[in-house]
Amino acid sequence: MRTSSPERRSARSASADTGVESDEVFELAAEVFRVMSAPMRLKIISSLCNGEKNVTQLLEEISTTQPNMSQHLNTLYQAGVIGKRREGVQIFYRIINDRVVTLCRAVCTQIAIETDSQG
């Protein structure tokens, strides 16, 4: 999910030309799903969709411990889903990968619709 290397771009264009997905495409997709596989990270993504927040603000919305929150934020940061900036002693987090947000919203919305229709 980081910036693509020339090799990754050529692998993508080659797979688009042939209509066959390369192993690399599936590996990158699996990485996106791995990052999004934790409910806590989905909650963080959802919260940050409403704007930039620091850890204290996130903890007011999401019930967890500060160390757990920091661990999930670090995973999202390392995966290139969120960015951060320092302001004094505070670190503010924001969404930087809109594709992950779009995917997250689509899946969660569909599940919510299906859950409502079953209940």
PDB file of N, CA and C in Angstrom:
ATOM      1  N   MET A   1       0.812  -1.183   0.000  1.00  0.00           N
ATOM      2  CA  MET A   1       0.000   0.000   0.000  1.00  0.00           C
ATOM      3  C   MET A   1       0.859   1.251   0.000  1.00  0.00           C
ATOM      4  N   ARG A   2       2.127   1.098   0.106  1.00  0.00           N
ATOM      5  CA  ARG A   2       3.042   2.214  -0.023  1.00  0.00           C
ATOM      6  C   ARG A   2       3.117   2.646  -1.485  1.00  0.00           C
ATOM      7  N   THR A   3       3.908   3.678  -1.746  1.00  0.00           N
ATOM      8  CA  THR A   3       4.093   4.149  -3.116  1.00  0.00           C
ATOM      9  C   THR A   3       4.630   3.014  -3.978  1.00  0.00           C
ATOM     10  N   SER A   4       4.095   2.883  -5.164  1.00  0.00           N
ATOM     11  CA  SER A   4       4.453   1.779  -6.052  1.00  0.00           C
ATOM     12  C   SER A   4       5.848   1.961  -6.639  1.00  0.00           C
ATOM     13  N   SER A   5       6.566   0.855  -6.724  1.00  0.00           N
ATOM     14  CA  SER A   5       7.851   0.865  -7.410  1.00  0.00           C
ATOM     15  C   SER A   5       7.591   0.703  -8.901  1.00  0.00           C
ATOM     16  N   PRO A   6       8.581   1.015  -9.759  1.00  0.00           N
ATOM     17  CA  PRO A   6       8.392   0.812 -11.205  1.00  0.00           C
ATOM     18  C   PRO A   6       8.028  -0.633 -11.528  1.00  0.00           C
ATOM     19  N   GLU A   7       8.604  -1.600 -10.782  1.00  0.00           N
ATOM     20  CA  GLU A   7       8.299  -3.006 -11.035  1.00  0.00           C
ATOM     21  C   GLU A   7       6.836  -3.293 -10.737  1.00  0.00           C
ATOM     22  N   ARG A   8       6.310  -2.719  -9.646  1.00  0.00           N
ATOM     23  CA  ARG A   8       4.914  -2.943  -9.294  1.00  0.00           C
ATOM     24  C   ARG A   8       3.995  -2.331 -10.334  1.00  0.00           C
ATOM     25  N   ARG A   9       4.332  -1.134 -10.805  1.00  0.00           N
ATOM     26  CA  ARG A   9       3.501  -0.488 -11.831  1.00  0.00           C
ATOM     27  C   ARG A   9       3.485  -1.318 -13.107  1.00  0.00           C
ATOM     28  N   SER A  10       4.650  -1.845 -13.498  1.00  0.00           N
ATOM     29  CA  SER A  10       4.684  -2.630 -14.730  1.00  0.00           C
ATOM     30  C   SER A  10       3.946  -3.952 -14.544  1.00  0.00           C
ATOM     31  N   ALA A  11       4.008  -4.530 -13.357  1.00  0.00           N
ATOM     32  CA  ALA A  11       3.266  -5.763 -13.094  1.00  0.00           C
ATOM     33  C   ALA A  11       1.769  -5.501 -13.186  1.00  0.00           C
ATOM     34  N   ARG A  12       1.333  -4.356 -12.669  1.00  0.00           N
ATOM     35  CA  ARG A  12      -0.089  -4.006 -12.736  1.00  0.00           C
ATOM     36  C   ARG A  12      -0.523  -3.781 -14.173  1.00  0.00           C
ATOM     37  N   SER A  13       0.273  -3.029 -14.948  1.00  0.00           N
ATOM     38  CA  SER A  13      -0.137  -2.749 -16.317  1.00  0.00           C
ATOM     39  C   SER A  13      -0.086  -4.015 -17.154  1.00  0.00           C
ATOM     40  N   ALA A  14       0.870  -4.894 -16.889  1.00  0.00           N
ATOM     41  CA  ALA A  14       0.944  -6.148 -17.632  1.00  0.00           C
ATOM     42  C   ALA A  14      -0.270  -7.012 -17.333  1.00  0.00           C
ATOM     43  N   SER A  15      -0.680  -7.064 -16.071  1.00  0.00           N
ATOM     44  CA  SER A  15      -1.845  -7.880 -15.733  1.00  0.00           C
ATOM     45  C   SER A  15      -3.113  -7.273 -16.305  1.00  0.00           C
ATOM     46  N   ALA A  16      -3.189  -5.955 -16.380  1.00  0.00           N
ATOM     47  CA  ALA A  16      -4.355  -5.305 -16.968  1.00  0.00           C
ATOM     48  C   ALA A  16      -4.425  -5.581 -18.464  1.00  0.00           C
ATOM     49  N   ASP A  17      -3.261  -5.618 -19.116  1.00  0.00           N
ATOM     50  CA  ASP A  17      -3.229  -5.871 -20.559  1.00  0.00           C
ATOM     51  C   ASP A  17      -3.667  -7.292 -20.895  1.00  0.00           C
ATOM     52  N   THR A  18      -3.262  -8.258 -20.068  1.00  0.00           N
ATOM     53  CA  THR A  18      -3.563  -9.654 -20.362  1.00  0.00           C
ATOM     54  C   THR A  18      -4.875 -10.112 -19.741  1.00  0.00           C
ATOM     55  N   GLY A  19      -5.410  -9.326 -18.805  1.00  0.00           N
ATOM     56  CA  GLY A  19      -6.639  -9.718 -18.129  1.00  0.00           C
ATOM     57  C   GLY A  19      -6.393 -10.743 -17.038  1.00  0.00           C
ATOM     58  N   VAL A  20      -5.136 -11.062 -16.767  1.00  0.00           N
ATOM     59  CA  VAL A  20      -4.790 -12.038 -15.743  1.00  0.00           C
ATOM     60  C   VAL A  20      -4.131 -11.296 -14.587  1.00  0.00           C
ATOM     61  N   GLU A  21      -4.591 -11.579 -13.383  1.00  0.00           N
ATOM     62  CA  GLU A  21      -4.014 -10.923 -12.210  1.00  0.00           C
ATOM     63  C   GLU A  21      -2.673 -11.568 -11.852  1.00  0.00           C
ATOM     64  N   SER A  22      -1.682 -10.742 -11.585  1.00  0.00           N
ATOM     65  CA  SER A  22      -0.382 -11.266 -11.186  1.00  0.00           C
ATOM     66  C   SER A  22      -0.420 -11.665  -9.715  1.00  0.00           C
ATOM     67  N   ASP A  23       0.507 -12.513  -9.317  1.00  0.00           N
ATOM     68  CA  ASP A  23       0.600 -12.912  -7.921  1.00  0.00           C
ATOM     69  C   ASP A  23       0.773 -11.690  -7.025  1.00  0.00           C
ATOM     70  N   GLU A  24       1.501 -10.707  -7.524  1.00  0.00           N
ATOM     71  CA  GLU A  24       1.762  -9.514  -6.727  1.00  0.00           C
ATOM     72  C   GLU A  24       0.473  -8.754  -6.407  1.00  0.00           C
ATOM     73  N   VAL A  25      -0.442  -8.696  -7.361  1.00  0.00           N
ATOM     74  CA  VAL A  25      -1.719  -8.020  -7.127  1.00  0.00           C
ATOM     75  C   VAL A  25      -2.464  -8.708  -5.994  1.00  0.00           C
ATOM     76  N   PHE A  26      -2.489 -10.040  -6.018  1.00  0.00           N
ATOM     77  CA  PHE A  26      -3.179 -10.781  -4.970  1.00  0.00           C
ATOM     78  C   PHE A  26      -2.475 -10.622  -3.627  1.00  0.00           C
ATOM     79  N   GLU A  27      -1.165 -10.577  -3.646  1.00  0.00           N
ATOM     80  CA  GLU A  27      -0.413 -10.373  -2.407  1.00  0.00           C
ATOM     81  C   GLU A  27      -0.702  -8.994  -1.816  1.00  0.00           C
ATOM     82  N   LEU A  28      -0.747  -7.972  -2.661  1.00  0.00           N
ATOM     83  CA  LEU A  28      -1.052  -6.621  -2.182  1.00  0.00           C
ATOM     84  C   LEU A  28      -2.482  -6.538  -1.659  1.00  0.00           C
ATOM     85  N   ALA A  29      -3.420  -7.188  -2.337  1.00  0.00           N
ATOM     86  CA  ALA A  29      -4.806  -7.212  -1.871  1.00  0.00           C
ATOM     87  C   ALA A  29      -4.902  -7.922  -0.524  1.00  0.00           C
ATOM     88  N   ALA A  30      -4.191  -9.020  -0.368  1.00  0.00           N
ATOM     89  CA  ALA A  30      -4.196  -9.763   0.894  1.00  0.00           C
ATOM     90  C   ALA A  30      -3.644  -8.900   2.025  1.00  0.00           C
ATOM     91  N   GLU A  31      -2.650  -8.085   1.729  1.00  0.00           N
ATOM     92  CA  GLU A  31      -2.088  -7.181   2.744  1.00  0.00           C
ATOM     93  C   GLU A  31      -3.123  -6.150   3.188  1.00  0.00           C
ATOM     94  N   VAL A  32      -3.888  -5.610   2.242  1.00  0.00           N
ATOM     95  CA  VAL A  32      -4.963  -4.667   2.591  1.00  0.00           C
ATOM     96  C   VAL A  32      -5.959  -5.347   3.520  1.00  0.00           C
ATOM     97  N   PHE A  33      -6.374  -6.557   3.164  1.00  0.00           N
ATOM     98  CA  PHE A  33      -7.335  -7.277   4.000  1.00  0.00           C
ATOM     99  C   PHE A  33      -6.751  -7.639   5.360  1.00  0.00           C
ATOM    100  N   ARG A  34      -5.455  -7.946   5.413  1.00  0.00           N
ATOM    101  CA  ARG A  34      -4.820  -8.254   6.706  1.00  0.00           C
ATOM    102  C   ARG A  34      -4.878  -7.043   7.629  1.00  0.00           C
ATOM    103  N   VAL A  35      -4.556  -5.890   7.080  1.00  0.00           N
ATOM    104  CA  VAL A  35      -4.570  -4.663   7.876  1.00  0.00           C
ATOM    105  C   VAL A  35      -5.980  -4.373   8.377  1.00  0.00           C
ATOM    106  N   MET A  36      -6.967  -4.643   7.538  1.00  0.00           N
ATOM    107  CA  MET A  36      -8.358  -4.340   7.890  1.00  0.00           C
ATOM    108  C   MET A  36      -9.040  -5.479   8.649  1.00  0.00           C
ATOM    109  N   SER A  37      -8.303  -6.539   8.982  1.00  0.00           N
ATOM    110  CA  SER A  37      -8.918  -7.714   9.598  1.00  0.00           C
ATOM    111  C   SER A  37      -9.235  -7.540  11.081  1.00  0.00           C
ATOM    112  N   ALA A  38      -8.741  -6.501  11.710  1.00  0.00           N
ATOM    113  CA  ALA A  38      -8.980  -6.285  13.141  1.00  0.00           C
ATOM    114  C   ALA A  38     -10.120  -5.288  13.334  1.00  0.00           C
ATOM    115  N   PRO A  39     -11.166  -5.672  14.077  1.00  0.00           N
ATOM    116  CA  PRO A  39     -12.274  -4.741  14.325  1.00  0.00           C
ATOM    117  C   PRO A  39     -11.814  -3.393  14.898  1.00  0.00           C
ATOM    118  N   MET A  40     -10.800  -3.413  15.744  1.00  0.00           N
ATOM    119  CA  MET A  40     -10.302  -2.167  16.331  1.00  0.00           C
ATOM    120  C   MET A  40      -9.777  -1.226  15.245  1.00  0.00           C
ATOM    121  N   ARG A  41      -9.074  -1.762  14.259  1.00  0.00           N
ATOM    122  CA  ARG A  41      -8.547  -0.917  13.188  1.00  0.00           C
ATOM    123  C   ARG A  41      -9.685  -0.362  12.330  1.00  0.00           C
ATOM    124  N   LEU A  42     -10.738  -1.145  12.128  1.00  0.00           N
ATOM    125  CA  LEU A  42     -11.908  -0.645  11.393  1.00  0.00           C
ATOM    126  C   LEU A  42     -12.570   0.496  12.158  1.00  0.00           C
ATOM    127  N   LYS A  43     -12.641   0.382  13.477  1.00  0.00           N
ATOM    128  CA  LYS A  43     -13.203   1.465  14.306  1.00  0.00           C
ATOM    129  C   LYS A  43     -12.348   2.729  14.186  1.00  0.00           C
ATOM    130  N   ILE A  44     -11.048   2.556  14.203  1.00  0.00           N
ATOM    131  CA  ILE A  44     -10.143   3.705  14.080  1.00  0.00           C
ATOM    132  C   ILE A  44     -10.318   4.366  12.720  1.00  0.00           C
ATOM    133  N   ILE A  45     -10.347   3.566  11.663  1.00  0.00           N
ATOM    134  CA  ILE A  45     -10.552   4.113  10.315  1.00  0.00           C
ATOM    135  C   ILE A  45     -11.857   4.877  10.258  1.00  0.00           C
ATOM    136  N   SER A  46     -12.922   4.289  10.802  1.00  0.00           N
ATOM    137  CA  SER A  46     -14.235   4.936  10.798  1.00  0.00           C
ATOM    138  C   SER A  46     -14.193   6.265  11.543  1.00  0.00           C
ATOM    139  N   SER A  47     -13.555   6.280  12.686  1.00  0.00           N
ATOM    140  CA  SER A  47     -13.454   7.508  13.471  1.00  0.00           C
ATOM    141  C   SER A  47     -12.675   8.583  12.727  1.00  0.00           C
ATOM    142  N   LEU A  48     -11.574   8.194  12.097  1.00  0.00           N
ATOM    143  CA  LEU A  48     -10.742   9.166  11.391  1.00  0.00           C
ATOM    144  C   LEU A  48     -11.385   9.656  10.100  1.00  0.00           C
ATOM    145  N   CYS A  49     -12.408   8.954   9.621  1.00  0.00           N
ATOM    146  CA  CYS A  49     -13.147   9.437   8.443  1.00  0.00           C
ATOM    147  C   CYS A  49     -13.829  10.769   8.750  1.00  0.00           C
ATOM    148  N   ASN A  50     -14.090  11.017  10.027  1.00  0.00           N
ATOM    149  CA  ASN A  50     -14.731  12.265  10.451  1.00  0.00           C
ATOM    150  C   ASN A  50     -13.735  13.384  10.695  1.00  0.00           C
ATOM    151  N   GLY A  51     -12.463  13.127  10.443  1.00  0.00           N
ATOM    152  CA  GLY A  51     -11.445  14.165  10.605  1.00  0.00           C
ATOM    153  C   GLY A  51     -10.277  13.715  11.451  1.00  0.00           C
ATOM    154  N   GLU A  52      -9.248  14.511  11.406  1.00  0.00           N
ATOM    155  CA  GLU A  52      -8.009  14.259  12.129  1.00  0.00           C
ATOM    156  C   GLU A  52      -8.266  14.236  13.638  1.00  0.00           C
ATOM    157  N   LYS A  53      -7.582  13.303  14.334  1.00  0.00           N
ATOM    158  CA  LYS A  53      -7.746  13.187  15.789  1.00  0.00           C
ATOM    159  C   LYS A  53      -6.431  12.763  16.428  1.00  0.00           C
ATOM    160  N   ASN A  54      -6.300  13.110  17.710  1.00  0.00           N
ATOM    161  CA  ASN A  54      -5.163  12.606  18.474  1.00  0.00           C
ATOM    162  C   ASN A  54      -5.615  11.370  19.263  1.00  0.00           C
ATOM    163  N   VAL A  55      -4.691  10.715  19.958  1.00  0.00           N
ATOM    164  CA  VAL A  55      -5.006   9.476  20.679  1.00  0.00           C
ATOM    165  C   VAL A  55      -6.080   9.710  21.735  1.00  0.00           C
ATOM    166  N   THR A  56      -6.015  10.809  22.460  1.00  0.00           N
ATOM    167  CA  THR A  56      -7.015  11.103  23.487  1.00  0.00           C
ATOM    168  C   THR A  56      -8.411  11.181  22.884  1.00  0.00           C
ATOM    169  N   GLN A  57      -8.539  11.865  21.754  1.00  0.00           N
ATOM    170  CA  GLN A  57      -9.831  11.978  21.084  1.00  0.00           C
ATOM    171  C   GLN A  57     -10.321  10.619  20.594  1.00  0.00           C
ATOM    172  N   LEU A  58      -9.413   9.811  20.069  1.00  0.00           N
ATOM    173  CA  LEU A  58      -9.793   8.471  19.620  1.00  0.00           C
ATOM    174  C   LEU A  58     -10.255   7.614  20.799  1.00  0.00           C
ATOM    175  N   LEU A  59      -9.562   7.718  21.926  1.00  0.00           N
ATOM    176  CA  LEU A  59      -9.930   6.931  23.104  1.00  0.00           C
ATOM    177  C   LEU A  59     -11.278   7.362  23.690  1.00  0.00           C
ATOM    178  N   GLU A  60     -11.683   8.612  23.460  1.00  0.00           N
ATOM    179  CA  GLU A  60     -13.012   9.054  23.905  1.00  0.00           C
ATOM    180  C   GLU A  60     -14.113   8.376  23.095  1.00  0.00           C
ATOM    181  N   GLU A  61     -13.814   8.014  21.859  1.00  0.00           N
ATOM    182  CA  GLU A  61     -14.797   7.394  20.976  1.00  0.00           C
ATOM    183  C   GLU A  61     -14.728   5.868  20.971  1.00  0.00           C
ATOM    184  N   ILE A  62     -13.537   5.324  21.207  1.00  0.00           N
ATOM    185  CA  ILE A  62     -13.308   3.887  21.073  1.00  0.00           C
ATOM    186  C   ILE A  62     -12.815   3.342  22.408  1.00  0.00           C
ATOM    187  N   SER A  63     -13.515   2.369  22.926  1.00  0.00           N
ATOM    188  CA  SER A  63     -13.178   1.803  24.227  1.00  0.00           C
ATOM    189  C   SER A  63     -12.048   0.781  24.099  1.00  0.00           C
ATOM    190  N   THR A  64     -10.864   1.198  24.510  1.00  0.00           N
ATOM    191  CA  THR A  64      -9.694   0.317  24.551  1.00  0.00           C
ATOM    192  C   THR A  64      -8.633   0.987  25.421  1.00  0.00           C
ATOM    193  N   THR A  65      -7.522   0.319  25.600  1.00  0.00           N
ATOM    194  CA  THR A  65      -6.427   0.909  26.371  1.00  0.00           C
ATOM    195  C   THR A  65      -5.552   1.759  25.453  1.00  0.00           C
ATOM    196  N   GLN A  66      -4.809   2.673  26.042  1.00  0.00           N
ATOM    197  CA  GLN A  66      -3.912   3.515  25.256  1.00  0.00           C
ATOM    198  C   GLN A  66      -2.839   2.683  24.552  1.00  0.00           C
ATOM    199  N   PRO A  67      -2.214   1.693  25.221  1.00  0.00           N
ATOM    200  CA  PRO A  67      -1.208   0.889  24.507  1.00  0.00           C
ATOM    201  C   PRO A  67      -1.802   0.121  23.311  1.00  0.00           C
ATOM    202  N   ASN A  68      -3.017  -0.413  23.478  1.00  0.00           N
ATOM    203  CA  ASN A  68      -3.661  -1.136  22.384  1.00  0.00           C
ATOM    204  C   ASN A  68      -3.963  -0.186  21.221  1.00  0.00           C
ATOM    205  N   MET A  69      -4.470   0.996  21.548  1.00  0.00           N
ATOM    206  CA  MET A  69      -4.760   2.000  20.518  1.00  0.00           C
ATOM    207  C   MET A  69      -3.483   2.348  19.761  1.00  0.00           C
ATOM    208  N   SER A  70      -2.411   2.586  20.484  1.00  0.00           N
ATOM    209  CA  SER A  70      -1.135   2.951  19.856  1.00  0.00           C
ATOM    210  C   SER A  70      -0.618   1.846  18.944  1.00  0.00           C
ATOM    211  N   GLN A  71      -0.774   0.598  19.359  1.00  0.00           N
ATOM    212  CA  GLN A  71      -0.332  -0.528  18.540  1.00  0.00           C
ATOM    213  C   GLN A  71      -1.108  -0.572  17.218  1.00  0.00           C
ATOM    214  N   HIS A  72      -2.422  -0.398  17.279  1.00  0.00           N
ATOM    215  CA  HIS A  72      -3.227  -0.423  16.058  1.00  0.00           C
ATOM    216  C   HIS A  72      -2.937   0.789  15.166  1.00  0.00           C
ATOM    217  N   LEU A  73      -2.738   1.947  15.779  1.00  0.00           N
ATOM    218  CA  LEU A  73      -2.383   3.137  15.001  1.00  0.00           C
ATOM    219  C   LEU A  73      -1.061   2.921  14.276  1.00  0.00           C
ATOM    220  N   ASN A  74      -0.113   2.305  14.949  1.00  0.00           N
ATOM    221  CA  ASN A  74       1.186   2.034  14.330  1.00  0.00           C
ATOM    222  C   ASN A  74       1.039   1.080  13.147  1.00  0.00           C
ATOM    223  N   THR A  75       0.220   0.054  13.295  1.00  0.00           N
ATOM    224  CA  THR A  75      -0.015  -0.888  12.190  1.00  0.00           C
ATOM    225  C   THR A  75      -0.614  -0.158  10.987  1.00  0.00           C
ATOM    226  N   LEU A  76      -1.626   0.683  11.233  1.00  0.00           N
ATOM    227  CA  LEU A  76      -2.254   1.444  10.148  1.00  0.00           C
ATOM    228  C   LEU A  76      -1.279   2.422   9.507  1.00  0.00           C
ATOM    229  N   TYR A  77      -0.424   3.028  10.327  1.00  0.00           N
ATOM    230  CA  TYR A  77       0.584   3.965   9.819  1.00  0.00           C
ATOM    231  C   TYR A  77       1.607   3.228   8.948  1.00  0.00           C
ATOM    232  N   GLN A  78       2.124   2.108   9.452  1.00  0.00           N
ATOM    233  CA  GLN A  78       3.124   1.338   8.712  1.00  0.00           C
ATOM    234  C   GLN A  78       2.570   0.825   7.384  1.00  0.00           C
ATOM    235  N   ALA A  79       1.262   0.558   7.343  1.00  0.00           N
ATOM    236  CA  ALA A  79       0.628   0.057   6.125  1.00  0.00           C
ATOM    237  C   ALA A  79       0.282   1.180   5.144  1.00  0.00           C
ATOM    238  N   GLY A  80       0.477   2.430   5.562  1.00  0.00           N
ATOM    239  CA  GLY A  80       0.189   3.544   4.676  1.00  0.00           C
ATOM    240  C   GLY A  80      -1.281   3.927   4.616  1.00  0.00           C
ATOM    241  N   VAL A  81      -2.058   3.501   5.604  1.00  0.00           N
ATOM    242  CA  VAL A  81      -3.480   3.843   5.649  1.00  0.00           C
ATOM    243  C   VAL A  81      -3.685   5.217   6.278  1.00  0.00           C
ATOM    244  N   ILE A  82      -2.917   5.499   7.337  1.00  0.00           N
ATOM    245  CA  ILE A  82      -3.035   6.784   8.019  1.00  0.00           C
ATOM    246  C   ILE A  82      -1.702   7.512   8.027  1.00  0.00           C
ATOM    247  N   GLY A  83      -1.778   8.823   8.162  1.00  0.00           N
ATOM    248  CA  GLY A  83      -0.602   9.659   8.312  1.00  0.00           C
ATOM    249  C   GLY A  83      -0.654  10.304   9.679  1.00  0.00           C
ATOM    250  N   LYS A  84       0.438  10.908  10.084  1.00  0.00           N
ATOM    251  CA  LYS A  84       0.458  11.577  11.390  1.00  0.00           C
ATOM    252  C   LYS A  84       1.279  12.842  11.311  1.00  0.00           C
ATOM    253  N   ARG A  85       0.957  13.761  12.218  1.00  0.00           N
ATOM    254  CA  ARG A  85       1.729  14.990  12.344  1.00  0.00           C
ATOM    255  C   ARG A  85       1.811  15.342  13.823  1.00  0.00           C
ATOM    256  N   ARG A  86       2.909  15.959  14.188  1.00  0.00           N
ATOM    257  CA  ARG A  86       3.130  16.350  15.586  1.00  0.00           C
ATOM    258  C   ARG A  86       2.794  17.825  15.751  1.00  0.00           C
ATOM    259  N   GLU A  87       2.099  18.113  16.836  1.00  0.00           N
ATOM    260  CA  GLU A  87       1.811  19.495  17.231  1.00  0.00           C
ATOM    261  C   GLU A  87       2.111  19.586  18.726  1.00  0.00           C
ATOM    262  N   GLY A  88       3.286  20.102  19.055  1.00  0.00           N
ATOM    263  CA  GLY A  88       3.725  20.101  20.449  1.00  0.00           C
ATOM    264  C   GLY A  88       3.970  18.670  20.887  1.00  0.00           C
ATOM    265  N   VAL A  89       3.297  18.256  21.973  1.00  0.00           N
ATOM    266  CA  VAL A  89       3.453  16.888  22.451  1.00  0.00           C
ATOM    267  C   VAL A  89       2.392  15.949  21.867  1.00  0.00           C
ATOM    268  N   GLN A  90       1.420  16.515  21.180  1.00  0.00           N
ATOM    269  CA  GLN A  90       0.333  15.720  20.600  1.00  0.00           C
ATOM    270  C   GLN A  90       0.699  15.223  19.208  1.00  0.00           C
ATOM    271  N   ILE A  91       0.243  14.005  18.884  1.00  0.00           N
ATOM    272  CA  ILE A  91       0.356  13.480  17.528  1.00  0.00           C
ATOM    273  C   ILE A  91      -1.057  13.313  16.996  1.00  0.00           C
ATOM    274  N   PHE A  92      -1.305  13.895  15.838  1.00  0.00           N
ATOM    275  CA  PHE A  92      -2.619  13.828  15.209  1.00  0.00           C
ATOM    276  C   PHE A  92      -2.560  12.858  14.039  1.00  0.00           C
ATOM    277  N   TYR A  93      -3.592  12.030  13.931  1.00  0.00           N
ATOM    278  CA  TYR A  93      -3.677  11.014  12.892  1.00  0.00           C
ATOM    279  C   TYR A  93      -4.781  11.378  11.914  1.00  0.00           C
ATOM    280  N   ARG A  94      -4.575  10.997  10.627  1.00  0.00           N
ATOM    281  CA  ARG A  94      -5.556  11.272   9.586  1.00  0.00           C
ATOM    282  C   ARG A  94      -5.477  10.175   8.537  1.00  0.00           C
ATOM    283  N   ILE A  95      -6.542  10.004   7.799  1.00  0.00           N
ATOM    284  CA  ILE A  95      -6.590   9.035   6.709  1.00  0.00           C
ATOM    285  C   ILE A  95      -5.775   9.571   5.531  1.00  0.00           C
ATOM    286  N   ILE A  96      -4.926   8.729   4.957  1.00  0.00           N
ATOM    287  CA  ILE A  96      -4.197   9.132   3.745  1.00  0.00           C
ATOM    288  C   ILE A  96      -4.440   8.158   2.587  1.00  0.00           C
ATOM    289  N   ASN A  97      -5.118   7.049   2.846  1.00  0.00           N
ATOM    290  CA  ASN A  97      -5.397   6.073   1.785  1.00  0.00           C
ATOM    291  C   ASN A  97      -6.910   5.959   1.617  1.00  0.00           C
ATOM    292  N   ASP A  98      -7.448   6.725   0.687  1.00  0.00           N
ATOM    293  CA  ASP A  98      -8.894   6.754   0.480  1.00  0.00           C
ATOM    294  C   ASP A  98      -9.443   5.445  -0.064  1.00  0.00           C
ATOM    295  N   ARG A  99      -8.626   4.668  -0.765  1.00  0.00           N
ATOM    296  CA  ARG A  99      -9.115   3.382  -1.281  1.00  0.00           C
ATOM    297  C   ARG A  99      -9.481   2.435  -0.151  1.00  0.00           C
ATOM    298  N   VAL A 100      -8.692   2.429   0.906  1.00  0.00           N
ATOM    299  CA  VAL A 100      -8.988   1.572   2.061  1.00  0.00           C
ATOM    300  C   VAL A 100     -10.286   2.031   2.714  1.00  0.00           C
ATOM    301  N   VAL A 101     -10.482   3.333   2.818  1.00  0.00           N
ATOM    302  CA  VAL A 101     -11.717   3.877   3.408  1.00  0.00           C
ATOM    303  C   VAL A 101     -12.917   3.466   2.562  1.00  0.00           C
ATOM    304  N   THR A 102     -12.804   3.581   1.247  1.00  0.00           N
ATOM    305  CA  THR A 102     -13.892   3.203   0.349  1.00  0.00           C
ATOM    306  C   THR A 102     -14.244   1.726   0.512  1.00  0.00           C
ATOM    307  N   LEU A 103     -13.231   0.887   0.572  1.00  0.00           N
ATOM    308  CA  LEU A 103     -13.449  -0.541   0.753  1.00  0.00           C
ATOM    309  C   LEU A 103     -14.090  -0.834   2.107  1.00  0.00           C
ATOM    310  N   CYS A 104     -13.584  -0.204   3.139  1.00  0.00           N
ATOM    311  CA  CYS A 104     -14.115  -0.384   4.493  1.00  0.00           C
ATOM    312  C   CYS A 104     -15.588   0.016   4.554  1.00  0.00           C
ATOM    313  N   ARG A 105     -15.915   1.179   4.000  1.00  0.00           N
ATOM    314  CA  ARG A 105     -17.304   1.648   4.012  1.00  0.00           C
ATOM    315  C   ARG A 105     -18.220   0.717   3.233  1.00  0.00           C
ATOM    316  N   ALA A 106     -17.755   0.266   2.069  1.00  0.00           N
ATOM    317  CA  ALA A 106     -18.583  -0.615   1.241  1.00  0.00           C
ATOM    318  C   ALA A 106     -18.909  -1.912   1.968  1.00  0.00           C
ATOM    319  N   VAL A 107     -17.895  -2.532   2.559  1.00  0.00           N
ATOM    320  CA  VAL A 107     -18.107  -3.800   3.260  1.00  0.00           C
ATOM    321  C   VAL A 107     -18.989  -3.600   4.492  1.00  0.00           C
ATOM    322  N   CYS A 108     -18.678  -2.601   5.313  1.00  0.00           N
ATOM    323  CA  CYS A 108     -19.449  -2.373   6.534  1.00  0.00           C
ATOM    324  C   CYS A 108     -20.892  -1.975   6.228  1.00  0.00           C
ATOM    325  N   THR A 109     -21.105  -1.167   5.190  1.00  0.00           N
ATOM    326  CA  THR A 109     -22.460  -0.777   4.803  1.00  0.00           C
ATOM    327  C   THR A 109     -23.256  -1.993   4.344  1.00  0.00           C
ATOM    328  N   GLN A 110     -22.637  -2.836   3.532  1.00  0.00           N
ATOM    329  CA  GLN A 110     -23.330  -4.031   3.052  1.00  0.00           C
ATOM    330  C   GLN A 110     -23.683  -4.960   4.206  1.00  0.00           C
ATOM    331  N   ILE A 111     -22.779  -5.136   5.131  1.00  0.00           N
ATOM    332  CA  ILE A 111     -23.050  -5.995   6.292  1.00  0.00           C
ATOM    333  C   ILE A 111     -24.177  -5.404   7.133  1.00  0.00           C
ATOM    334  N   ALA A 112     -24.165  -4.088   7.335  1.00  0.00           N
ATOM    335  CA  ALA A 112     -25.224  -3.431   8.100  1.00  0.00           C
ATOM    336  C   ALA A 112     -26.571  -3.621   7.427  1.00  0.00           C
ATOM    337  N   ILE A 113     -26.624  -3.493   6.116  1.00  0.00           N
ATOM    338  CA  ILE A 113     -27.874  -3.680   5.358  1.00  0.00           C
ATOM    339  C   ILE A 113     -28.378  -5.103   5.523  1.00  0.00           C
ATOM    340  N   GLU A 114     -27.479  -6.069   5.376  1.00  0.00           N
ATOM    341  CA  GLU A 114     -27.860  -7.476   5.505  1.00  0.00           C
ATOM    342  C   GLU A 114     -28.314  -7.800   6.930  1.00  0.00           C
ATOM    343  N   THR A 115     -27.656  -7.224   7.921  1.00  0.00           N
ATOM    344  CA  THR A 115     -28.012  -7.468   9.316  1.00  0.00           C
ATOM    345  C   THR A 115     -29.392  -6.881   9.612  1.00  0.00           C
ATOM    346  N   ASP A 116     -29.671  -5.665   9.105  1.00  0.00           N
ATOM    347  CA  ASP A 116     -30.971  -5.034   9.309  1.00  0.00           C
ATOM    348  C   ASP A 116     -32.089  -5.821   8.648  1.00  0.00           C
ATOM    349  N   SER A 117     -31.829  -6.369   7.454  1.00  0.00           N
ATOM    350  CA  SER A 117     -32.874  -7.088   6.736  1.00  0.00           C
ATOM    351  C   SER A 117     -33.168  -8.446   7.356  1.00  0.00           C
ATOM    352  N   GLN A 118     -32.223  -8.975   8.121  1.00  0.00           N
ATOM    353  CA  GLN A 118     -32.424 -10.276   8.772  1.00  0.00           C
ATOM    354  C   GLN A 118     -33.129 -10.121  10.106  1.00  0.00           C
ATOM    355  N   GLY A 119     -33.055  -8.921  10.674  1.00  0.00           N
ATOM    356  CA  GLY A 119     -33.582  -8.723  12.023  1.00  0.00           C
ATOM    357  C   GLY A 119     -34.931  -8.195  12.090  1.00  0.00           C
TER     358      GLY A 119
END
